[in-house]
Amino acid sequence: MTNPNPGITAKIAAAADHARPTTCPRCRSPVLTAWAGRVAALRVVADPEPIDATAEILARLNGRLTWFLITSSLGVHRITWRNPTFTPHAKHPVIADHVCPPHPVQETLL
């Protein structure tokens, strides 16, 4: 079946990696969501706060991926893949995958 409006498909594809602010459905923390990549894209849910090099190392040691948060001249945010061999924080802020904080256990509160 052919698409009746190929212009719409091109616009959707161009905006797929735009970061959208939302909240985590589990912990209600603010997060950014996007599809990172053009082919075989990954759905990214990341914390919106940029991290420094030490926090990035700790995030990677905990199994979290890190991403570049690129802002265009028009103010549009995009999330793109960050290769771990790049120099730390070259020219774009780095953000990490979101991990919900652990829920407190009742016995530990006493």
PDB file of N, CA and C in Angstrom:
ATOM      1  N   MET A   1       0.852  -1.176   0.000  1.00  0.00           N
ATOM      2  CA  MET A   1       0.000   0.000   0.000  1.00  0.00           C
ATOM      3  C   MET A   1       0.894   1.234   0.000  1.00  0.00           C
ATOM      4  N   THR A   2       0.634   2.147  -0.872  1.00  0.00           N
ATOM      5  CA  THR A   2       1.438   3.359  -0.950  1.00  0.00           C
ATOM      6  C   THR A   2       0.886   4.423  -0.020  1.00  0.00           C
ATOM      7  N   ASN A   3       1.784   5.258   0.447  1.00  0.00           N
ATOM      8  CA  ASN A   3       1.412   6.336   1.344  1.00  0.00           C
ATOM      9  C   ASN A   3       0.784   7.469   0.513  1.00  0.00           C
ATOM     10  N   PRO A   4      -0.423   7.932   0.860  1.00  0.00           N
ATOM     11  CA  PRO A   4      -1.052   8.984   0.078  1.00  0.00           C
ATOM     12  C   PRO A   4      -0.358  10.333   0.225  1.00  0.00           C
ATOM     13  N   ASN A   5       0.424  10.514   1.294  1.00  0.00           N
ATOM     14  CA  ASN A   5       1.099  11.791   1.513  1.00  0.00           C
ATOM     15  C   ASN A   5       2.537  11.541   1.960  1.00  0.00           C
ATOM     16  N   PRO A   6       3.480  11.398   1.024  1.00  0.00           N
ATOM     17  CA  PRO A   6       4.863  11.120   1.408  1.00  0.00           C
ATOM     18  C   PRO A   6       5.509  12.271   2.169  1.00  0.00           C
ATOM     19  N   GLY A   7       5.010  13.486   2.052  1.00  0.00           N
ATOM     20  CA  GLY A   7       5.550  14.624   2.800  1.00  0.00           C
ATOM     21  C   GLY A   7       5.373  14.448   4.294  1.00  0.00           C
ATOM     22  N   ILE A   8       4.237  13.885   4.703  1.00  0.00           N
ATOM     23  CA  ILE A   8       3.982  13.634   6.126  1.00  0.00           C
ATOM     24  C   ILE A   8       4.981  12.609   6.654  1.00  0.00           C
ATOM     25  N   THR A   9       5.249  11.557   5.902  1.00  0.00           N
ATOM     26  CA  THR A   9       6.199  10.539   6.321  1.00  0.00           C
ATOM     27  C   THR A   9       7.588  11.135   6.499  1.00  0.00           C
ATOM     28  N   ALA A  10       7.986  12.015   5.609  1.00  0.00           N
ATOM     29  CA  ALA A  10       9.301  12.664   5.716  1.00  0.00           C
ATOM     30  C   ALA A  10       9.373  13.554   6.953  1.00  0.00           C
ATOM     31  N   LYS A  11       8.297  14.267   7.272  1.00  0.00           N
ATOM     32  CA  LYS A  11       8.287  15.124   8.456  1.00  0.00           C
ATOM     33  C   LYS A  11       8.352  14.298   9.735  1.00  0.00           C
ATOM     34  N   ILE A  12       7.643  13.191   9.760  1.00  0.00           N
ATOM     35  CA  ILE A  12       7.676  12.316  10.937  1.00  0.00           C
ATOM     36  C   ILE A  12       9.071  11.748  11.117  1.00  0.00           C
ATOM     37  N   ALA A  13       9.688  11.301  10.048  1.00  0.00           N
ATOM     38  CA  ALA A  13      11.038  10.746  10.120  1.00  0.00           C
ATOM     39  C   ALA A  13      12.038  11.797  10.574  1.00  0.00           C
ATOM     40  N   ALA A  14      11.876  13.036  10.125  1.00  0.00           N
ATOM     41  CA  ALA A  14      12.806  14.098  10.503  1.00  0.00           C
ATOM     42  C   ALA A  14      12.662  14.480  11.970  1.00  0.00           C
ATOM     43  N   ALA A  15      11.463  14.328  12.531  1.00  0.00           N
ATOM     44  CA  ALA A  15      11.225  14.720  13.918  1.00  0.00           C
ATOM     45  C   ALA A  15      11.307  13.557  14.887  1.00  0.00           C
ATOM     46  N   ALA A  16      11.651  12.368  14.435  1.00  0.00           N
ATOM     47  CA  ALA A  16      11.624  11.193  15.292  1.00  0.00           C
ATOM     48  C   ALA A  16      12.611  11.276  16.440  1.00  0.00           C
ATOM     49  N   ASP A  17      13.747  11.932  16.246  1.00  0.00           N
ATOM     50  CA  ASP A  17      14.732  11.979  17.314  1.00  0.00           C
ATOM     51  C   ASP A  17      14.632  13.259  18.149  1.00  0.00           C
ATOM     52  N   HIS A  18      13.572  14.038  17.977  1.00  0.00           N
ATOM     53  CA  HIS A  18      13.382  15.223  18.804  1.00  0.00           C
ATOM     54  C   HIS A  18      13.029  14.791  20.221  1.00  0.00           C
ATOM     55  N   ALA A  19      13.700  15.366  21.202  1.00  0.00           N
ATOM     56  CA  ALA A  19      13.457  15.028  22.602  1.00  0.00           C
ATOM     57  C   ALA A  19      12.178  15.698  23.080  1.00  0.00           C
ATOM     58  N   ARG A  20      11.353  14.923  23.725  1.00  0.00           N
ATOM     59  CA  ARG A  20      10.103  15.444  24.254  1.00  0.00           C
ATOM     60  C   ARG A  20      10.103  15.306  25.776  1.00  0.00           C
ATOM     61  N   PRO A  21       9.864  16.401  26.495  1.00  0.00           N
ATOM     62  CA  PRO A  21       9.797  16.290  27.956  1.00  0.00           C
ATOM     63  C   PRO A  21       8.501  15.621  28.375  1.00  0.00           C
ATOM     64  N   THR A  22       8.614  14.728  29.323  1.00  0.00           N
ATOM     65  CA  THR A  22       7.457  14.025  29.867  1.00  0.00           C
ATOM     66  C   THR A  22       7.810  13.564  31.274  1.00  0.00           C
ATOM     67  N   THR A  23       6.972  12.741  31.872  1.00  0.00           N
ATOM     68  CA  THR A  23       7.272  12.185  33.191  1.00  0.00           C
ATOM     69  C   THR A  23       7.321  10.669  33.107  1.00  0.00           C
ATOM     70  N   CYS A  24       8.131  10.080  33.952  1.00  0.00           N
ATOM     71  CA  CYS A  24       8.226   8.622  34.013  1.00  0.00           C
ATOM     72  C   CYS A  24       6.908   8.081  34.569  1.00  0.00           C
ATOM     73  N   PRO A  25       6.300   7.094  33.918  1.00  0.00           N
ATOM     74  CA  PRO A  25       5.024   6.577  34.418  1.00  0.00           C
ATOM     75  C   PRO A  25       5.165   5.833  35.750  1.00  0.00           C
ATOM     76  N   ARG A  26       6.361   5.387  36.072  1.00  0.00           N
ATOM     77  CA  ARG A  26       6.550   4.614  37.307  1.00  0.00           C
ATOM     78  C   ARG A  26       6.840   5.506  38.506  1.00  0.00           C
ATOM     79  N   CYS A  27       7.827   6.415  38.362  1.00  0.00           N
ATOM     80  CA  CYS A  27       8.258   7.208  39.517  1.00  0.00           C
ATOM     81  C   CYS A  27       7.867   8.679  39.422  1.00  0.00           C
ATOM     82  N   ARG A  28       7.285   9.093  38.307  1.00  0.00           N
ATOM     83  CA  ARG A  28       6.821  10.466  38.075  1.00  0.00           C
ATOM     84  C   ARG A  28       7.960  11.490  38.037  1.00  0.00           C
ATOM     85  N   SER A  29       9.185  11.064  37.770  1.00  0.00           N
ATOM     86  CA  SER A  29      10.309  11.983  37.603  1.00  0.00           C
ATOM     87  C   SER A  29      10.261  12.584  36.201  1.00  0.00           C
ATOM     88  N   PRO A  30      10.754  13.809  36.025  1.00  0.00           N
ATOM     89  CA  PRO A  30      10.813  14.364  34.669  1.00  0.00           C
ATOM     90  C   PRO A  30      11.865  13.624  33.844  1.00  0.00           C
ATOM     91  N   VAL A  31      11.517  13.299  32.605  1.00  0.00           N
ATOM     92  CA  VAL A  31      12.424  12.601  31.697  1.00  0.00           C
ATOM     93  C   VAL A  31      12.281  13.195  30.297  1.00  0.00           C
ATOM     94  N   LEU A  32      13.248  12.884  29.445  1.00  0.00           N
ATOM     95  CA  LEU A  32      13.182  13.204  28.022  1.00  0.00           C
ATOM     96  C   LEU A  32      13.046  11.901  27.261  1.00  0.00           C
ATOM     97  N   THR A  33      12.171  11.867  26.269  1.00  0.00           N
ATOM     98  CA  THR A  33      12.015  10.668  25.450  1.00  0.00           C
ATOM     99  C   THR A  33      12.249  11.031  23.991  1.00  0.00           C
ATOM    100  N   ALA A  34      12.801  10.077  23.263  1.00  0.00           N
ATOM    101  CA  ALA A  34      13.053  10.266  21.830  1.00  0.00           C
ATOM    102  C   ALA A  34      13.403   8.924  21.217  1.00  0.00           C
ATOM    103  N   TRP A  35      13.373   8.874  19.891  1.00  0.00           N
ATOM    104  CA  TRP A  35      13.897   7.741  19.135  1.00  0.00           C
ATOM    105  C   TRP A  35      15.256   8.161  18.627  1.00  0.00           C
ATOM    106  N   ALA A  36      16.311   7.553  19.112  1.00  0.00           N
ATOM    107  CA  ALA A  36      17.675   7.918  18.711  1.00  0.00           C
ATOM    108  C   ALA A  36      18.096   7.063  17.529  1.00  0.00           C
ATOM    109  N   GLY A  37      18.463   7.717  16.450  1.00  0.00           N
ATOM    110  CA  GLY A  37      18.903   7.016  15.253  1.00  0.00           C
ATOM    111  C   GLY A  37      17.863   7.089  14.165  1.00  0.00           C
ATOM    112  N   ARG A  38      18.317   6.912  12.943  1.00  0.00           N
ATOM    113  CA  ARG A  38      17.416   6.963  11.786  1.00  0.00           C
ATOM    114  C   ARG A  38      17.014   5.567  11.327  1.00  0.00           C
ATOM    115  N   VAL A  39      17.932   4.623  11.406  1.00  0.00           N
ATOM    116  CA  VAL A  39      17.662   3.244  11.014  1.00  0.00           C
ATOM    117  C   VAL A  39      17.812   2.392  12.261  1.00  0.00           C
ATOM    118  N   ALA A  40      16.861   1.532  12.530  1.00  0.00           N
ATOM    119  CA  ALA A  40      16.877   0.691  13.731  1.00  0.00           C
ATOM    120  C   ALA A  40      17.044   1.559  14.971  1.00  0.00           C
ATOM    121  N   ALA A  41      16.202   2.559  15.117  1.00  0.00           N
ATOM    122  CA  ALA A  41      16.295   3.515  16.215  1.00  0.00           C
ATOM    123  C   ALA A  41      16.012   2.856  17.556  1.00  0.00           C
ATOM    124  N   LEU A  42      16.613   3.413  18.590  1.00  0.00           N
ATOM    125  CA  LEU A  42      16.386   2.969  19.961  1.00  0.00           C
ATOM    126  C   LEU A  42      15.488   3.976  20.661  1.00  0.00           C
ATOM    127  N   ARG A  43      14.537   3.480  21.435  1.00  0.00           N
ATOM    128  CA  ARG A  43      13.708   4.396  22.214  1.00  0.00           C
ATOM    129  C   ARG A  43      14.503   4.773  23.460  1.00  0.00           C
ATOM    130  N   VAL A  44      14.714   6.063  23.630  1.00  0.00           N
ATOM    131  CA  VAL A  44      15.517   6.570  24.735  1.00  0.00           C
ATOM    132  C   VAL A  44      14.602   7.255  25.739  1.00  0.00           C
ATOM    133  N   VAL A  45      14.771   6.888  27.012  1.00  0.00           N
ATOM    134  CA  VAL A  45      14.142   7.588  28.125  1.00  0.00           C
ATOM    135  C   VAL A  45      15.301   7.995  29.025  1.00  0.00           C
ATOM    136  N   ALA A  46      15.584   9.297  29.075  1.00  0.00           N
ATOM    137  CA  ALA A  46      16.770   9.784  29.772  1.00  0.00           C
ATOM    138  C   ALA A  46      16.416  10.868  30.772  1.00  0.00           C
ATOM    139  N   ASP A  47      17.281  10.995  31.784  1.00  0.00           N
ATOM    140  CA  ASP A  47      17.152  12.096  32.737  1.00  0.00           C
ATOM    141  C   ASP A  47      17.506  13.390  32.026  1.00  0.00           C
ATOM    142  N   PRO A  48      16.771  14.476  32.267  1.00  0.00           N
ATOM    143  CA  PRO A  48      17.018  15.713  31.523  1.00  0.00           C
ATOM    144  C   PRO A  48      18.241  16.499  31.990  1.00  0.00           C
ATOM    145  N   GLU A  49      18.767  16.207  33.173  1.00  0.00           N
ATOM    146  CA  GLU A  49      19.895  16.967  33.696  1.00  0.00           C
ATOM    147  C   GLU A  49      21.195  16.487  33.067  1.00  0.00           C
ATOM    148  N   PRO A  50      21.998  17.407  32.529  1.00  0.00           N
ATOM    149  CA  PRO A  50      23.309  17.013  32.001  1.00  0.00           C
ATOM    150  C   PRO A  50      24.208  16.499  33.131  1.00  0.00           C
ATOM    151  N   ILE A  51      25.100  15.583  32.777  1.00  0.00           N
ATOM    152  CA  ILE A  51      26.002  15.004  33.771  1.00  0.00           C
ATOM    153  C   ILE A  51      27.441  15.342  33.414  1.00  0.00           C
ATOM    154  N   ASP A  52      28.313  15.297  34.431  1.00  0.00           N
ATOM    155  CA  ASP A  52      29.729  15.556  34.192  1.00  0.00           C
ATOM    156  C   ASP A  52      30.439  14.232  33.905  1.00  0.00           C
ATOM    157  N   ALA A  53      31.741  14.305  33.686  1.00  0.00           N
ATOM    158  CA  ALA A  53      32.510  13.112  33.290  1.00  0.00           C
ATOM    159  C   ALA A  53      32.482  12.035  34.367  1.00  0.00           C
ATOM    160  N   THR A  54      32.562  12.417  35.644  1.00  0.00           N
ATOM    161  CA  THR A  54      32.539  11.432  36.723  1.00  0.00           C
ATOM    162  C   THR A  54      31.192  10.724  36.783  1.00  0.00           C
ATOM    163  N   ALA A  55      30.113  11.492  36.685  1.00  0.00           N
ATOM    164  CA  ALA A  55      28.778  10.896  36.710  1.00  0.00           C
ATOM    165  C   ALA A  55      28.561  10.006  35.489  1.00  0.00           C
ATOM    166  N   GLU A  56      29.163  10.371  34.358  1.00  0.00           N
ATOM    167  CA  GLU A  56      29.034   9.533  33.172  1.00  0.00           C
ATOM    168  C   GLU A  56      29.736   8.194  33.366  1.00  0.00           C
ATOM    169  N   ILE A  57      30.919   8.213  33.960  1.00  0.00           N
ATOM    170  CA  ILE A  57      31.640   6.962  34.230  1.00  0.00           C
ATOM    171  C   ILE A  57      30.823   6.084  35.165  1.00  0.00           C
ATOM    172  N   LEU A  58      30.261   6.677  36.219  1.00  0.00           N
ATOM    173  CA  LEU A  58      29.435   5.905  37.157  1.00  0.00           C
ATOM    174  C   LEU A  58      28.189   5.351  36.470  1.00  0.00           C
ATOM    175  N   ALA A  59      27.569   6.146  35.598  1.00  0.00           N
ATOM    176  CA  ALA A  59      26.385   5.668  34.879  1.00  0.00           C
ATOM    177  C   ALA A  59      26.746   4.478  33.995  1.00  0.00           C
ATOM    178  N   ARG A  60      27.861   4.573  33.297  1.00  0.00           N
ATOM    179  CA  ARG A  60      28.291   3.470  32.422  1.00  0.00           C
ATOM    180  C   ARG A  60      28.639   2.225  33.221  1.00  0.00           C
ATOM    181  N   LEU A  61      29.267   2.408  34.380  1.00  0.00           N
ATOM    182  CA  LEU A  61      29.584   1.254  35.231  1.00  0.00           C
ATOM    183  C   LEU A  61      28.318   0.575  35.747  1.00  0.00           C
ATOM    184  N   ASN A  62      27.228   1.341  35.876  1.00  0.00           N
ATOM    185  CA  ASN A  62      25.944   0.786  36.310  1.00  0.00           C
ATOM    186  C   ASN A  62      25.110   0.265  35.149  1.00  0.00           C
ATOM    187  N   GLY A  63      25.681   0.237  33.936  1.00  0.00           N
ATOM    188  CA  GLY A  63      24.978  -0.322  32.788  1.00  0.00           C
ATOM    189  C   GLY A  63      24.057   0.643  32.067  1.00  0.00           C
ATOM    190  N   ARG A  64      24.136   1.929  32.371  1.00  0.00           N
ATOM    191  CA  ARG A  64      23.295   2.923  31.713  1.00  0.00           C
ATOM    192  C   ARG A  64      24.016   3.462  30.486  1.00  0.00           C
ATOM    193  N   LEU A  65      23.274   3.724  29.420  1.00  0.00           N
ATOM    194  CA  LEU A  65      23.833   4.348  28.226  1.00  0.00           C
ATOM    195  C   LEU A  65      23.843   5.861  28.411  1.00  0.00           C
ATOM    196  N   THR A  66      24.755   6.522  27.722  1.00  0.00           N
ATOM    197  CA  THR A  66      24.788   7.982  27.744  1.00  0.00           C
ATOM    198  C   THR A  66      24.545   8.503  26.339  1.00  0.00           C
ATOM    199  N   TRP A  67      24.007   9.718  26.264  1.00  0.00           N
ATOM    200  CA  TRP A  67      23.555  10.301  25.014  1.00  0.00           C
ATOM    201  C   TRP A  67      23.964  11.756  24.944  1.00  0.00           C
ATOM    202  N   PHE A  68      24.137  12.274  23.726  1.00  0.00           N
ATOM    203  CA  PHE A  68      24.311  13.704  23.528  1.00  0.00           C
ATOM    204  C   PHE A  68      22.933  14.346  23.465  1.00  0.00           C
ATOM    205  N   LEU A  69      22.787  15.497  24.087  1.00  0.00           N
ATOM    206  CA  LEU A  69      21.581  16.310  23.968  1.00  0.00           C
ATOM    207  C   LEU A  69      21.966  17.512  23.115  1.00  0.00           C
ATOM    208  N   ILE A  70      21.588  17.466  21.849  1.00  0.00           N
ATOM    209  CA  ILE A  70      21.963  18.494  20.888  1.00  0.00           C
ATOM    210  C   ILE A  70      20.807  19.473  20.751  1.00  0.00           C
ATOM    211  N   THR A  71      21.130  20.762  20.839  1.00  0.00           N
ATOM    212  CA  THR A  71      20.131  21.808  20.667  1.00  0.00           C
ATOM    213  C   THR A  71      20.417  22.551  19.373  1.00  0.00           C
ATOM    214  N   SER A  72      19.425  22.629  18.495  1.00  0.00           N
ATOM    215  CA  SER A  72      19.599  23.321  17.214  1.00  0.00           C
ATOM    216  C   SER A  72      19.527  24.829  17.426  1.00  0.00           C
ATOM    217  N   SER A  73      19.815  25.573  16.387  1.00  0.00           N
ATOM    218  CA  SER A  73      19.739  27.036  16.468  1.00  0.00           C
ATOM    219  C   SER A  73      18.301  27.507  16.692  1.00  0.00           C
ATOM    220  N   LEU A  74      17.331  26.658  16.395  1.00  0.00           N
ATOM    221  CA  LEU A  74      15.923  26.995  16.620  1.00  0.00           C
ATOM    222  C   LEU A  74      15.429  26.546  17.989  1.00  0.00           C
ATOM    223  N   GLY A  75      16.316  25.952  18.807  1.00  0.00           N
ATOM    224  CA  GLY A  75      15.948  25.517  20.144  1.00  0.00           C
ATOM    225  C   GLY A  75      15.348  24.128  20.215  1.00  0.00           C
ATOM    226  N   VAL A  76      15.433  23.363  19.140  1.00  0.00           N
ATOM    227  CA  VAL A  76      14.899  22.004  19.128  1.00  0.00           C
ATOM    228  C   VAL A  76      15.949  21.058  19.709  1.00  0.00           C
ATOM    229  N   HIS A  77      15.550  20.261  20.693  1.00  0.00           N
ATOM    230  CA  HIS A  77      16.458  19.304  21.326  1.00  0.00           C
ATOM    231  C   HIS A  77      16.380  17.967  20.604  1.00  0.00           C
ATOM    232  N   ARG A  78      17.549  17.354  20.384  1.00  0.00           N
ATOM    233  CA  ARG A  78      17.643  16.013  19.799  1.00  0.00           C
ATOM    234  C   ARG A  78      18.524  15.166  20.695  1.00  0.00           C
ATOM    235  N   ILE A  79      18.204  13.894  20.782  1.00  0.00           N
ATOM    236  CA  ILE A  79      19.030  12.942  21.515  1.00  0.00           C
ATOM    237  C   ILE A  79      19.733  12.072  20.490  1.00  0.00           C
ATOM    238  N   THR A  80      21.061  12.032  20.574  1.00  0.00           N
ATOM    239  CA  THR A  80      21.839  11.234  19.636  1.00  0.00           C
ATOM    240  C   THR A  80      22.797  10.332  20.393  1.00  0.00           C
ATOM    241  N   TRP A  81      23.212   9.274  19.709  1.00  0.00           N
ATOM    242  CA  TRP A  81      24.107   8.279  20.290  1.00  0.00           C
ATOM    243  C   TRP A  81      25.441   8.904  20.672  1.00  0.00           C
ATOM    244  N   ARG A  82      25.964   8.524  21.817  1.00  0.00           N
ATOM    245  CA  ARG A  82      27.283   8.966  22.264  1.00  0.00           C
ATOM    246  C   ARG A  82      28.197   7.763  22.313  1.00  0.00           C
ATOM    247  N   ASN A  83      29.215   7.781  21.479  1.00  0.00           N
ATOM    248  CA  ASN A  83      30.208   6.721  21.477  1.00  0.00           C
ATOM    249  C   ASN A  83      31.092   6.898  22.703  1.00  0.00           C
ATOM    250  N   PRO A  84      31.300   5.867  23.501  1.00  0.00           N
ATOM    251  CA  PRO A  84      32.079   6.030  24.734  1.00  0.00           C
ATOM    252  C   PRO A  84      33.545   6.389  24.497  1.00  0.00           C
ATOM    253  N   THR A  85      34.028   6.302  23.264  1.00  0.00           N
ATOM    254  CA  THR A  85      35.425   6.642  23.010  1.00  0.00           C
ATOM    255  C   THR A  85      35.619   8.104  22.655  1.00  0.00           C
ATOM    256  N   PHE A  86      34.532   8.887  22.562  1.00  0.00           N
ATOM    257  CA  PHE A  86      34.662  10.322  22.287  1.00  0.00           C
ATOM    258  C   PHE A  86      35.322  11.016  23.471  1.00  0.00           C
ATOM    259  N   THR A  87      35.886  12.193  23.216  1.00  0.00           N
ATOM    260  CA  THR A  87      36.417  12.982  24.319  1.00  0.00           C
ATOM    261  C   THR A  87      35.261  13.418  25.202  1.00  0.00           C
ATOM    262  N   PRO A  88      35.463  13.448  26.500  1.00  0.00           N
ATOM    263  CA  PRO A  88      34.353  13.766  27.406  1.00  0.00           C
ATOM    264  C   PRO A  88      33.762  15.148  27.140  1.00  0.00           C
ATOM    265  N   HIS A  89      32.481  15.184  26.948  1.00  0.00           N
ATOM    266  CA  HIS A  89      31.699  16.415  26.844  1.00  0.00           C
ATOM    267  C   HIS A  89      32.300  17.387  25.828  1.00  0.00           C
ATOM    268  N   ALA A  90      32.493  16.925  24.631  1.00  0.00           N
ATOM    269  CA  ALA A  90      33.135  17.713  23.584  1.00  0.00           C
ATOM    270  C   ALA A  90      32.453  19.075  23.401  1.00  0.00           C
ATOM    271  N   LYS A  91      31.240  19.115  22.872  1.00  0.00           N
ATOM    272  CA  LYS A  91      30.573  20.407  22.720  1.00  0.00           C
ATOM    273  C   LYS A  91      29.077  20.347  23.005  1.00  0.00           C
ATOM    274  N   HIS A  92      28.561  19.178  23.317  1.00  0.00           N
ATOM    275  CA  HIS A  92      27.150  19.030  23.650  1.00  0.00           C
ATOM    276  C   HIS A  92      27.026  18.441  25.047  1.00  0.00           C
ATOM    277  N   PRO A  93      25.964  18.804  25.788  1.00  0.00           N
ATOM    278  CA  PRO A  93      25.765  18.188  27.093  1.00  0.00           C
ATOM    279  C   PRO A  93      25.492  16.689  26.944  1.00  0.00           C
ATOM    280  N   VAL A  94      25.850  15.948  27.963  1.00  0.00           N
ATOM    281  CA  VAL A  94      25.651  14.504  27.978  1.00  0.00           C
ATOM    282  C   VAL A  94      24.581  14.178  29.015  1.00  0.00           C
ATOM    283  N   ILE A  95      23.644  13.311  28.637  1.00  0.00           N
ATOM    284  CA  ILE A  95      22.605  12.848  29.554  1.00  0.00           C
ATOM    285  C   ILE A  95      22.662  11.330  29.612  1.00  0.00           C
ATOM    286  N   ALA A  96      22.076  10.752  30.645  1.00  0.00           N
ATOM    287  CA  ALA A  96      22.124   9.303  30.843  1.00  0.00           C
ATOM    288  C   ALA A  96      20.717   8.724  30.861  1.00  0.00           C
ATOM    289  N   ASP A  97      20.634   7.429  30.547  1.00  0.00           N
ATOM    290  CA  ASP A  97      19.359   6.717  30.626  1.00  0.00           C
ATOM    291  C   ASP A  97      18.745   6.907  32.004  1.00  0.00           C
ATOM    292  N   HIS A  98      17.421   6.960  32.032  1.00  0.00           N
ATOM    293  CA  HIS A  98      16.700   7.116  33.294  1.00  0.00           C
ATOM    294  C   HIS A  98      16.606   5.783  34.016  1.00  0.00           C
ATOM    295  N   VAL A  99      16.845   5.828  35.307  1.00  0.00           N
ATOM    296  CA  VAL A  99      16.629   4.679  36.185  1.00  0.00           C
ATOM    297  C   VAL A  99      15.794   5.187  37.352  1.00  0.00           C
ATOM    298  N   CYS A 100      14.666   4.535  37.598  1.00  0.00           N
ATOM    299  CA  CYS A 100      13.800   4.949  38.697  1.00  0.00           C
ATOM    300  C   CYS A 100      14.514   4.720  40.034  1.00  0.00           C
ATOM    301  N   PRO A 101      14.339   5.654  40.993  1.00  0.00           N
ATOM    302  CA  PRO A 101      14.944   5.448  42.311  1.00  0.00           C
ATOM    303  C   PRO A 101      14.269   4.272  42.999  1.00  0.00           C
ATOM    304  N   PRO A 102      15.019   3.571  43.853  1.00  0.00           N
ATOM    305  CA  PRO A 102      14.414   2.430  44.546  1.00  0.00           C
ATOM    306  C   PRO A 102      13.332   2.894  45.506  1.00  0.00           C
ATOM    307  N   HIS A 103      12.297   2.072  45.633  1.00  0.00           N
ATOM    308  CA  HIS A 103      11.222   2.381  46.571  1.00  0.00           C
ATOM    309  C   HIS A 103      11.678   1.968  47.966  1.00  0.00           C
ATOM    310  N   PRO A 104      11.395   2.780  48.980  1.00  0.00           N
ATOM    311  CA  PRO A 104      11.801   2.413  50.335  1.00  0.00           C
ATOM    312  C   PRO A 104      11.039   1.183  50.812  1.00  0.00           C
ATOM    313  N   VAL A 105      11.715   0.362  51.591  1.00  0.00           N
ATOM    314  CA  VAL A 105      11.104  -0.823  52.191  1.00  0.00           C
ATOM    315  C   VAL A 105      10.631  -0.427  53.586  1.00  0.00           C
ATOM    316  N   GLN A 106       9.450  -0.864  53.955  1.00  0.00           N
ATOM    317  CA  GLN A 106       8.835  -0.422  55.201  1.00  0.00           C
ATOM    318  C   GLN A 106       9.718  -0.675  56.408  1.00  0.00           C
ATOM    319  N   GLU A 107      10.383  -1.834  56.505  1.00  0.00           N
ATOM    320  CA  GLU A 107      11.185  -2.142  57.684  1.00  0.00           C
ATOM    321  C   GLU A 107      12.385  -1.222  57.827  1.00  0.00           C
ATOM    322  N   THR A 108      12.892  -0.692  56.723  1.00  0.00           N
ATOM    323  CA  THR A 108      14.071   0.162  56.810  1.00  0.00           C
ATOM    324  C   THR A 108      13.741   1.561  57.295  1.00  0.00           C
ATOM    325  N   LEU A 109      12.474   1.911  57.331  1.00  0.00           N
ATOM    326  CA  LEU A 109      12.101   3.236  57.809  1.00  0.00           C
ATOM    327  C   LEU A 109      12.073   3.321  59.322  1.00  0.00           C
ATOM    328  N   LEU A 110      11.997   2.205  59.984  1.00  0.00           N
ATOM    329  CA  LEU A 110      11.886   2.212  61.456  1.00  0.00           C
ATOM    330  C   LEU A 110      13.211   2.249  62.133  1.00  0.00           C
TER     331      LEU A 110
END
